[in-house]
All heavy atoms as atom14 arrays in JSON, in Angstrom:
{
  "sequence": "FEADLWTLERVGLVVDRVTGVALSRASVWRLLTGRLGWSLQR",
  "atom14_mask": [
    [1, 1, 1, 1, 1, 1, 1, 1, 1, 1, 1, 0, 0, 0],
    [1, 1, 1, 1, 1, 1, 1, 1, 1, 0, 0, 0, 0, 0],
    [1, 1, 1, 1, 1, 0, 0, 0, 0, 0, 0, 0, 0, 0],
    [1, 1, 1, 1, 1, 1, 1, 1, 0, 0, 0, 0, 0, 0],
    [1, 1, 1, 1, 1, 1, 1, 1, 0, 0, 0, 0, 0, 0],
    [1, 1, 1, 1, 1, 1, 1, 1, 1, 1, 1, 1, 1, 1],
    [1, 1, 1, 1, 1, 1, 1, 0, 0, 0, 0, 0, 0, 0],
    [1, 1, 1, 1, 1, 1, 1, 1, 0, 0, 0, 0, 0, 0],
    [1, 1, 1, 1, 1, 1, 1, 1, 1, 0, 0, 0, 0, 0],
    [1, 1, 1, 1, 1, 1, 1, 1, 1, 1, 1, 0, 0, 0],
    [1, 1, 1, 1, 1, 1, 1, 0, 0, 0, 0, 0, 0, 0],
    [1, 1, 1, 1, 0, 0, 0, 0, 0, 0, 0, 0, 0, 0],
    [1, 1, 1, 1, 1, 1, 1, 1, 0, 0, 0, 0, 0, 0],
    [1, 1, 1, 1, 1, 1, 1, 0, 0, 0, 0, 0, 0, 0],
    [1, 1, 1, 1, 1, 1, 1, 0, 0, 0, 0, 0, 0, 0],
    [1, 1, 1, 1, 1, 1, 1, 1, 0, 0, 0, 0, 0, 0],
    [1, 1, 1, 1, 1, 1, 1, 1, 1, 1, 1, 0, 0, 0],
    [1, 1, 1, 1, 1, 1, 1, 0, 0, 0, 0, 0, 0, 0],
    [1, 1, 1, 1, 1, 1, 1, 0, 0, 0, 0, 0, 0, 0],
    [1, 1, 1, 1, 0, 0, 0, 0, 0, 0, 0, 0, 0, 0],
    [1, 1, 1, 1, 1, 1, 1, 0, 0, 0, 0, 0, 0, 0],
    [1, 1, 1, 1, 1, 0, 0, 0, 0, 0, 0, 0, 0, 0],
    [1, 1, 1, 1, 1, 1, 1, 1, 0, 0, 0, 0, 0, 0],
    [1, 1, 1, 1, 1, 1, 0, 0, 0, 0, 0, 0, 0, 0],
    [1, 1, 1, 1, 1, 1, 1, 1, 1, 1, 1, 0, 0, 0],
    [1, 1, 1, 1, 1, 0, 0, 0, 0, 0, 0, 0, 0, 0],
    [1, 1, 1, 1, 1, 1, 0, 0, 0, 0, 0, 0, 0, 0],
    [1, 1, 1, 1, 1, 1, 1, 0, 0, 0, 0, 0, 0, 0],
    [1, 1, 1, 1, 1, 1, 1, 1, 1, 1, 1, 1, 1, 1],
    [1, 1, 1, 1, 1, 1, 1, 1, 1, 1, 1, 0, 0, 0],
    [1, 1, 1, 1, 1, 1, 1, 1, 0, 0, 0, 0, 0, 0],
    [1, 1, 1, 1, 1, 1, 1, 1, 0, 0, 0, 0, 0, 0],
    [1, 1, 1, 1, 1, 1, 1, 0, 0, 0, 0, 0, 0, 0],
    [1, 1, 1, 1, 0, 0, 0, 0, 0, 0, 0, 0, 0, 0],
    [1, 1, 1, 1, 1, 1, 1, 1, 1, 1, 1, 0, 0, 0],
    [1, 1, 1, 1, 1, 1, 1, 1, 0, 0, 0, 0, 0, 0],
    [1, 1, 1, 1, 0, 0, 0, 0, 0, 0, 0, 0, 0, 0],
    [1, 1, 1, 1, 1, 1, 1, 1, 1, 1, 1, 1, 1, 1],
    [1, 1, 1, 1, 1, 1, 0, 0, 0, 0, 0, 0, 0, 0],
    [1, 1, 1, 1, 1, 1, 1, 1, 0, 0, 0, 0, 0, 0],
    [1, 1, 1, 1, 1, 1, 1, 1, 1, 0, 0, 0, 0, 0],
    [1, 1, 1, 1, 1, 1, 1, 1, 1, 1, 1, 0, 0, 0]
  ],
  "atom14_positions": [
    [[-158.66, -49.18, -73.6], [-157.6, -49.25, -74.6], [-158.2, -49.28, -75.99], [-159.2, -49.93, -76.24], [-156.73, -50.49, -74.38], [-156.08, -50.54, -73.02], [-156.28, -51.61, -72.18], [-155.27, -49.5, -72.58], [-155.69, -51.66, -70.93], [-154.68, -49.53, -71.34], [-154.89, -50.62, -70.51], [0.0, 0.0, 0.0], [0.0, 0.0, 0.0], [0.0, 0.0, 0.0]],
    [[-157.56, -48.56, -76.91], [-158.06, -48.46, -78.28], [-157.74, -49.69, -79.13], [-158.49, -50.07, -79.98], [-157.45, -47.23, -78.95], [-157.91, -45.92, -78.34], [-159.35, -45.61, -78.66], [-159.79, -45.9, -79.77], [-160.04, -45.06, -77.78], [0.0, 0.0, 0.0], [0.0, 0.0, 0.0], [0.0, 0.0, 0.0], [0.0, 0.0, 0.0], [0.0, 0.0, 0.0]],
    [[-156.58, -50.29, -78.9], [-156.12, -51.4, -79.76], [-156.13, -52.71, -78.98], [-156.22, -52.73, -77.75], [-154.72, -51.1, -80.27], [0.0, 0.0, 0.0], [0.0, 0.0, 0.0], [0.0, 0.0, 0.0], [0.0, 0.0, 0.0], [0.0, 0.0, 0.0], [0.0, 0.0, 0.0], [0.0, 0.0, 0.0], [0.0, 0.0, 0.0], [0.0, 0.0, 0.0]],
    [[-156.01, -53.81, -79.71], [-156.0, -55.15, -79.12], [-154.63, -55.56, -78.58], [-154.49, -56.66, -78.07], [-156.42, -56.19, -80.17], [-157.91, -56.16, -80.43], [-158.66, -55.83, -79.51], [-158.32, -56.47, -81.55], [0.0, 0.0, 0.0], [0.0, 0.0, 0.0], [0.0, 0.0, 0.0], [0.0, 0.0, 0.0], [0.0, 0.0, 0.0], [0.0, 0.0, 0.0]],
    [[-153.64, -54.73, -78.72], [-152.29, -55.09, -78.32], [-152.14, -54.97, -76.81], [-152.3, -53.9, -76.23], [-151.28, -54.17, -79.02], [-149.82, -54.5, -78.79], [-149.48, -55.86, -79.38], [-148.95, -53.43, -79.43], [0.0, 0.0, 0.0], [0.0, 0.0, 0.0], [0.0, 0.0, 0.0], [0.0, 0.0, 0.0], [0.0, 0.0, 0.0], [0.0, 0.0, 0.0]],
    [[-151.86, -56.09, -76.17], [-151.68, -56.11, -74.72], [-150.2, -56.15, -74.41], [-149.53, -57.15, -74.62], [-152.39, -57.32, -74.11], [-153.86, -57.12, -74.06], [-154.76, -57.48, -75.0], [-154.59, -56.48, -73.01], [-156.02, -57.11, -74.61], [-155.95, -56.49, -73.39], [-154.24, -55.9, -71.8], [-156.95, -55.95, -72.6], [-155.24, -55.36, -71.01], [-156.57, -55.38, -71.41]],
    [[-149.68, -55.04, -73.88], [-148.28, -54.96, -73.5], [-148.14, -55.28, -72.01], [-149.14, -55.34, -71.28], [-147.74, -53.54, -73.76], [-148.48, -52.62, -72.93], [-147.87, -53.15, -75.22], [0.0, 0.0, 0.0], [0.0, 0.0, 0.0], [0.0, 0.0, 0.0], [0.0, 0.0, 0.0], [0.0, 0.0, 0.0], [0.0, 0.0, 0.0], [0.0, 0.0, 0.0]],
    [[-146.91, -55.46, -71.56], [-146.68, -55.7, -70.13], [-147.18, -54.52, -69.31], [-147.75, -54.7, -68.23], [-145.19, -55.94, -69.86], [-144.6, -57.22, -70.46], [-143.1, -57.26, -70.22], [-145.28, -58.44, -69.89], [0.0, 0.0, 0.0], [0.0, 0.0, 0.0], [0.0, 0.0, 0.0], [0.0, 0.0, 0.0], [0.0, 0.0, 0.0], [0.0, 0.0, 0.0]],
    [[-147.0, -53.31, -69.83], [-147.46, -52.12, -69.13], [-148.98, -52.14, -68.98], [-149.51, -51.83, -67.91], [-147.03, -50.85, -69.86], [-145.55, -50.57, -69.78], [-144.74, -51.35, -70.8], [-145.32, -52.01, -71.69], [-143.5, -51.34, -70.69], [0.0, 0.0, 0.0], [0.0, 0.0, 0.0], [0.0, 0.0, 0.0], [0.0, 0.0, 0.0], [0.0, 0.0, 0.0]],
    [[-149.69, -52.48, -70.04], [-151.16, -52.52, -69.98], [-151.66, -53.58, -69.02], [-152.58, -53.34, -68.24], [-151.75, -52.79, -71.37], [-151.72, -51.58, -72.25], [-152.47, -51.85, -73.52], [-152.51, -50.67, -74.35], [-153.14, -50.6, -75.49], [-153.79, -51.65, -75.96], [-153.13, -49.49, -76.19], [0.0, 0.0, 0.0], [0.0, 0.0, 0.0], [0.0, 0.0, 0.0]],
    [[-151.06, -54.75, -69.07], [-151.46, -55.82, -68.15], [-151.22, -55.37, -66.71], [-152.06, -55.55, -65.83], [-150.72, -57.14, -68.46], [-151.03, -58.18, -67.39], [-151.11, -57.65, -69.84], [0.0, 0.0, 0.0], [0.0, 0.0, 0.0], [0.0, 0.0, 0.0], [0.0, 0.0, 0.0], [0.0, 0.0, 0.0], [0.0, 0.0, 0.0], [0.0, 0.0, 0.0]],
    [[-150.07, -54.73, -66.47], [-149.75, -54.22, -65.15], [-150.76, -53.18, -64.69], [-151.17, -53.17, -63.52], [0.0, 0.0, 0.0], [0.0, 0.0, 0.0], [0.0, 0.0, 0.0], [0.0, 0.0, 0.0], [0.0, 0.0, 0.0], [0.0, 0.0, 0.0], [0.0, 0.0, 0.0], [0.0, 0.0, 0.0], [0.0, 0.0, 0.0], [0.0, 0.0, 0.0]],
    [[-151.19, -52.31, -65.6], [-152.21, -51.31, -65.28], [-153.52, -51.96, -64.87], [-154.15, -51.55, -63.89], [-152.47, -50.42, -66.5], [-151.76, -49.1, -66.57], [-151.99, -48.44, -67.93], [-152.23, -48.18, -65.47], [0.0, 0.0, 0.0], [0.0, 0.0, 0.0], [0.0, 0.0, 0.0], [0.0, 0.0, 0.0], [0.0, 0.0, 0.0], [0.0, 0.0, 0.0]],
    [[-153.94, -52.96, -65.62], [-155.19, -53.65, -65.32], [-155.09, -54.38, -63.98], [-156.02, -54.31, -63.16], [-155.59, -54.62, -66.45], [-156.79, -55.46, -66.07], [-155.88, -53.84, -67.73], [0.0, 0.0, 0.0], [0.0, 0.0, 0.0], [0.0, 0.0, 0.0], [0.0, 0.0, 0.0], [0.0, 0.0, 0.0], [0.0, 0.0, 0.0], [0.0, 0.0, 0.0]],
    [[-153.97, -55.04, -63.74], [-153.78, -55.72, -62.45], [-153.88, -54.7, -61.32], [-154.55, -54.93, -60.31], [-152.43, -56.47, -62.41], [-152.1, -56.94, -61.0], [-152.43, -57.64, -63.37], [0.0, 0.0, 0.0], [0.0, 0.0, 0.0], [0.0, 0.0, 0.0], [0.0, 0.0, 0.0], [0.0, 0.0, 0.0], [0.0, 0.0, 0.0], [0.0, 0.0, 0.0]],
    [[-153.26, -53.54, -61.5], [-153.29, -52.5, -60.48], [-154.72, -51.99, -60.26], [-155.17, -51.83, -59.12], [-152.37, -51.35, -60.88], [-152.16, -50.33, -59.77], [-152.4, -50.67, -58.59], [-151.76, -49.19, -60.07], [0.0, 0.0, 0.0], [0.0, 0.0, 0.0], [0.0, 0.0, 0.0], [0.0, 0.0, 0.0], [0.0, 0.0, 0.0], [0.0, 0.0, 0.0]],
    [[-155.46, -51.73, -61.35], [-156.83, -51.24, -61.23], [-157.75, -52.25, -60.55], [-158.59, -51.89, -59.74], [-157.4, -50.92, -62.61], [-156.83, -49.69, -63.25], [-157.44, -49.48, -64.61], [-156.72, -48.5, -65.38], [-156.89, -48.29, -66.67], [-157.77, -49.0, -67.34], [-156.2, -47.37, -67.29], [0.0, 0.0, 0.0], [0.0, 0.0, 0.0], [0.0, 0.0, 0.0]],
    [[-157.59, -53.52, -60.89], [-158.49, -54.55, -60.38], [-158.13, -54.97, -58.95], [-159.02, -55.16, -58.11], [-158.49, -55.79, -61.32], [-159.25, -56.94, -60.71], [-159.08, -55.41, -62.67], [0.0, 0.0, 0.0], [0.0, 0.0, 0.0], [0.0, 0.0, 0.0], [0.0, 0.0, 0.0], [0.0, 0.0, 0.0], [0.0, 0.0, 0.0], [0.0, 0.0, 0.0]],
    [[-156.84, -55.11, -58.67], [-156.43, -55.66, -57.37], [-155.8, -54.63, -56.44], [-155.68, -54.88, -55.24], [-155.4, -56.79, -57.56], [-154.19, -56.24, -58.11], [-155.93, -57.88, -58.46], [0.0, 0.0, 0.0], [0.0, 0.0, 0.0], [0.0, 0.0, 0.0], [0.0, 0.0, 0.0], [0.0, 0.0, 0.0], [0.0, 0.0, 0.0], [0.0, 0.0, 0.0]],
    [[-155.36, -53.49, -57.0], [-154.66, -52.51, -56.19], [-153.2, -52.85, -55.97], [-152.51, -52.2, -55.19], [0.0, 0.0, 0.0], [0.0, 0.0, 0.0], [0.0, 0.0, 0.0], [0.0, 0.0, 0.0], [0.0, 0.0, 0.0], [0.0, 0.0, 0.0], [0.0, 0.0, 0.0], [0.0, 0.0, 0.0], [0.0, 0.0, 0.0], [0.0, 0.0, 0.0]],
    [[-152.71, -53.88, -56.67], [-151.31, -54.3, -56.54], [-150.54, -53.8, -57.76], [-150.86, -54.16, -58.89], [-151.2, -55.84, -56.44], [-149.75, -56.27, -56.4], [-151.97, -56.34, -55.23], [0.0, 0.0, 0.0], [0.0, 0.0, 0.0], [0.0, 0.0, 0.0], [0.0, 0.0, 0.0], [0.0, 0.0, 0.0], [0.0, 0.0, 0.0], [0.0, 0.0, 0.0]],
    [[-149.53, -52.98, -57.53], [-148.7, -52.46, -58.61], [-147.55, -53.45, -58.85], [-146.84, -53.81, -57.92], [-148.15, -51.09, -58.26], [0.0, 0.0, 0.0], [0.0, 0.0, 0.0], [0.0, 0.0, 0.0], [0.0, 0.0, 0.0], [0.0, 0.0, 0.0], [0.0, 0.0, 0.0], [0.0, 0.0, 0.0], [0.0, 0.0, 0.0], [0.0, 0.0, 0.0]],
    [[-147.42, -53.88, -60.1], [-146.36, -54.83, -60.46], [-145.4, -54.19, -61.45], [-145.81, -53.41, -62.31], [-146.97, -56.08, -61.11], [-147.92, -56.92, -60.28], [-148.51, -58.04, -61.13], [-147.21, -57.5, -59.07], [0.0, 0.0, 0.0], [0.0, 0.0, 0.0], [0.0, 0.0, 0.0], [0.0, 0.0, 0.0], [0.0, 0.0, 0.0], [0.0, 0.0, 0.0]],
    [[-144.14, -54.54, -61.35], [-143.15, -54.09, -62.34], [-143.37, -54.89, -63.63], [-144.05, -55.92, -63.64], [-141.73, -54.32, -61.82], [-141.46, -55.71, -61.74], [0.0, 0.0, 0.0], [0.0, 0.0, 0.0], [0.0, 0.0, 0.0], [0.0, 0.0, 0.0], [0.0, 0.0, 0.0], [0.0, 0.0, 0.0], [0.0, 0.0, 0.0], [0.0, 0.0, 0.0]],
    [[-142.74, -54.43, -64.71], [-142.83, -55.18, -65.98], [-142.29, -56.58, -65.81], [-142.86, -57.54, -66.32], [-142.05, -54.46, -67.08], [-142.71, -53.18, -67.53], [-141.9, -52.46, -68.59], [-141.84, -53.31, -69.78], [-140.83, -53.29, -70.62], [-139.81, -52.5, -70.44], [-140.84, -54.07, -71.68], [0.0, 0.0, 0.0], [0.0, 0.0, 0.0], [0.0, 0.0, 0.0]],
    [[-141.18, -56.72, -65.07], [-140.59, -58.04, -64.84], [-141.55, -58.95, -64.08], [-141.67, -60.14, -64.39], [-139.27, -57.91, -64.09], [0.0, 0.0, 0.0], [0.0, 0.0, 0.0], [0.0, 0.0, 0.0], [0.0, 0.0, 0.0], [0.0, 0.0, 0.0], [0.0, 0.0, 0.0], [0.0, 0.0, 0.0], [0.0, 0.0, 0.0], [0.0, 0.0, 0.0]],
    [[-142.24, -58.39, -63.1], [-143.2, -59.19, -62.32], [-144.39, -59.61, -63.16], [-144.89, -60.73, -63.04], [-143.68, -58.4, -61.1], [-142.61, -58.19, -60.21], [0.0, 0.0, 0.0], [0.0, 0.0, 0.0], [0.0, 0.0, 0.0], [0.0, 0.0, 0.0], [0.0, 0.0, 0.0], [0.0, 0.0, 0.0], [0.0, 0.0, 0.0], [0.0, 0.0, 0.0]],
    [[-144.85, -58.7, -64.02], [-145.96, -59.05, -64.93], [-145.52, -60.18, -65.85], [-146.26, -61.15, -66.07], [-146.43, -57.82, -65.74], [-147.43, -58.23, -66.81], [-147.04, -56.77, -64.83], [0.0, 0.0, 0.0], [0.0, 0.0, 0.0], [0.0, 0.0, 0.0], [0.0, 0.0, 0.0], [0.0, 0.0, 0.0], [0.0, 0.0, 0.0], [0.0, 0.0, 0.0]],
    [[-144.29, -60.09, -66.38], [-143.76, -61.12, -67.27], [-143.71, -62.47, -66.55], [-144.15, -63.49, -67.09], [-142.37, -60.73, -67.76], [-141.74, -61.76, -68.64], [-140.74, -62.61, -68.32], [-142.11, -62.09, -69.98], [-140.44, -63.43, -69.38], [-141.27, -63.13, -70.41], [-143.06, -61.59, -70.86], [-141.36, -63.69, -71.67], [-143.14, -62.14, -72.14], [-142.3, -63.17, -72.52]],
    [[-143.19, -62.49, -65.31], [-143.11, -63.75, -64.55], [-144.5, -64.3, -64.26], [-144.71, -65.51, -64.32], [-142.34, -63.52, -63.24], [-140.84, -63.47, -63.44], [-140.09, -63.54, -62.12], [-140.43, -62.44, -61.23], [-139.8, -61.26, -61.2], [-138.81, -61.04, -62.04], [-140.16, -60.34, -60.35], [0.0, 0.0, 0.0], [0.0, 0.0, 0.0], [0.0, 0.0, 0.0]],
    [[-145.45, -63.41, -63.96], [-146.82, -63.85, -63.7], [-147.43, -64.52, -64.94], [-147.98, -65.61, -64.87], [-147.69, -62.66, -63.28], [-149.18, -62.92, -63.15], [-149.47, -63.83, -61.97], [-149.94, -61.61, -63.0], [0.0, 0.0, 0.0], [0.0, 0.0, 0.0], [0.0, 0.0, 0.0], [0.0, 0.0, 0.0], [0.0, 0.0, 0.0], [0.0, 0.0, 0.0]],
    [[-147.28, -63.86, -66.08], [-147.89, -64.37, -67.32], [-147.22, -65.65, -67.81], [-147.88, -66.59, -68.21], [-147.85, -63.31, -68.41], [-148.69, -62.06, -68.17], [-148.48, -61.05, -69.29], [-150.16, -62.39, -68.02], [0.0, 0.0, 0.0], [0.0, 0.0, 0.0], [0.0, 0.0, 0.0], [0.0, 0.0, 0.0], [0.0, 0.0, 0.0], [0.0, 0.0, 0.0]],
    [[-145.88, -65.67, -67.8], [-145.17, -66.82, -68.37], [-144.98, -67.94, -67.36], [-145.19, -69.11, -67.69], [-143.81, -66.4, -68.94], [-143.02, -65.81, -67.91], [-143.97, -65.43, -70.09], [0.0, 0.0, 0.0], [0.0, 0.0, 0.0], [0.0, 0.0, 0.0], [0.0, 0.0, 0.0], [0.0, 0.0, 0.0], [0.0, 0.0, 0.0], [0.0, 0.0, 0.0]],
    [[-144.55, -67.6, -66.17], [-144.26, -68.63, -65.16], [-145.5, -69.19, -64.5], [-145.72, -70.4, -64.48], [0.0, 0.0, 0.0], [0.0, 0.0, 0.0], [0.0, 0.0, 0.0], [0.0, 0.0, 0.0], [0.0, 0.0, 0.0], [0.0, 0.0, 0.0], [0.0, 0.0, 0.0], [0.0, 0.0, 0.0], [0.0, 0.0, 0.0], [0.0, 0.0, 0.0]],
    [[-146.32, -68.33, -63.98], [-147.49, -68.77, -63.23], [-148.64, -69.24, -64.11], [-149.28, -70.25, -63.83], [-148.0, -67.59, -62.44], [-148.16, -67.52, -61.1], [-147.78, -67.86, -59.86], [-148.9, -68.23, -59.04], [-149.19, -67.64, -57.93], [-148.46, -66.64, -57.51], [-150.17, -68.07, -57.22], [0.0, 0.0, 0.0], [0.0, 0.0, 0.0], [0.0, 0.0, 0.0]],
    [[-148.91, -68.47, -65.18], [-150.05, -68.8, -66.03], [-149.67, -69.64, -67.25], [-150.54, -70.14, -67.94], [-150.74, -67.5, -66.49], [-151.31, -66.65, -65.34], [-151.86, -65.34, -65.88], [-152.38, -67.41, -64.58], [0.0, 0.0, 0.0], [0.0, 0.0, 0.0], [0.0, 0.0, 0.0], [0.0, 0.0, 0.0], [0.0, 0.0, 0.0], [0.0, 0.0, 0.0]],
    [[-148.37, -69.75, -67.54], [-147.94, -70.58, -68.66], [-148.2, -69.96, -70.03], [-148.19, -70.65, -71.04], [0.0, 0.0, 0.0], [0.0, 0.0, 0.0], [0.0, 0.0, 0.0], [0.0, 0.0, 0.0], [0.0, 0.0, 0.0], [0.0, 0.0, 0.0], [0.0, 0.0, 0.0], [0.0, 0.0, 0.0], [0.0, 0.0, 0.0], [0.0, 0.0, 0.0]],
    [[-148.43, -68.65, -70.08], [-148.66, -67.99, -71.36], [-147.34, -67.78, -72.07], [-146.27, -67.8, -71.48], [-149.35, -66.65, -71.15], [-150.77, -66.76, -70.67], [-151.4, -67.89, -70.23], [-151.71, -65.71, -70.56], [-152.68, -67.59, -69.86], [-152.91, -66.27, -70.05], [-151.68, -64.36, -70.83], [-154.05, -65.52, -69.83], [-152.82, -63.61, -70.61], [-153.98, -64.18, -70.12]],
    [[-147.39, -67.55, -73.38], [-146.19, -67.3, -74.16], [-146.35, -66.0, -74.94], [-147.46, -65.51, -75.13], [-145.9, -68.45, -75.12], [-146.96, -68.56, -76.05], [0.0, 0.0, 0.0], [0.0, 0.0, 0.0], [0.0, 0.0, 0.0], [0.0, 0.0, 0.0], [0.0, 0.0, 0.0], [0.0, 0.0, 0.0], [0.0, 0.0, 0.0], [0.0, 0.0, 0.0]],
    [[-145.23, -65.47, -75.39], [-145.23, -64.25, -76.18], [-145.94, -64.49, -77.5], [-145.66, -65.47, -78.19], [-143.78, -63.81, -76.44], [-143.59, -62.59, -77.32], [-144.15, -61.35, -76.65], [-142.13, -62.4, -77.64], [0.0, 0.0, 0.0], [0.0, 0.0, 0.0], [0.0, 0.0, 0.0], [0.0, 0.0, 0.0], [0.0, 0.0, 0.0], [0.0, 0.0, 0.0]],
    [[-146.85, -63.63, -77.84], [-147.57, -63.72, -79.11], [-147.42, -62.39, -79.84], [-147.51, -61.33, -79.23], [-149.06, -63.97, -78.87], [-149.35, -65.2, -78.05], [-149.08, -66.48, -78.8], [-149.54, -66.63, -79.92], [-148.34, -67.37, -78.19], [0.0, 0.0, 0.0], [0.0, 0.0, 0.0], [0.0, 0.0, 0.0], [0.0, 0.0, 0.0], [0.0, 0.0, 0.0]],
    [[-147.17, -62.46, -81.11], [-147.08, -61.24, -81.92], [-148.28, -61.18, -82.84], [-148.65, -62.18, -83.45], [-145.8, -61.24, -82.74], [-144.57, -61.29, -81.86], [-143.4, -60.67, -82.55], [-142.18, -60.87, -81.78], [-141.73, -60.0, -80.89], [-142.4, -58.92, -80.66], [-140.62, -60.23, -80.24], [0.0, 0.0, 0.0], [0.0, 0.0, 0.0], [0.0, 0.0, 0.0]]
  ]
}
């Protein structure tokens, strides 16, 4: 990736490349916010 901006799509791509598990945007959001406790940052 050229820029530092991590979108749900990019995180989903990385998860897919590393684990082979394809996640929807909603699933990535739940993983980041619910499971990991991360919050939206601008």
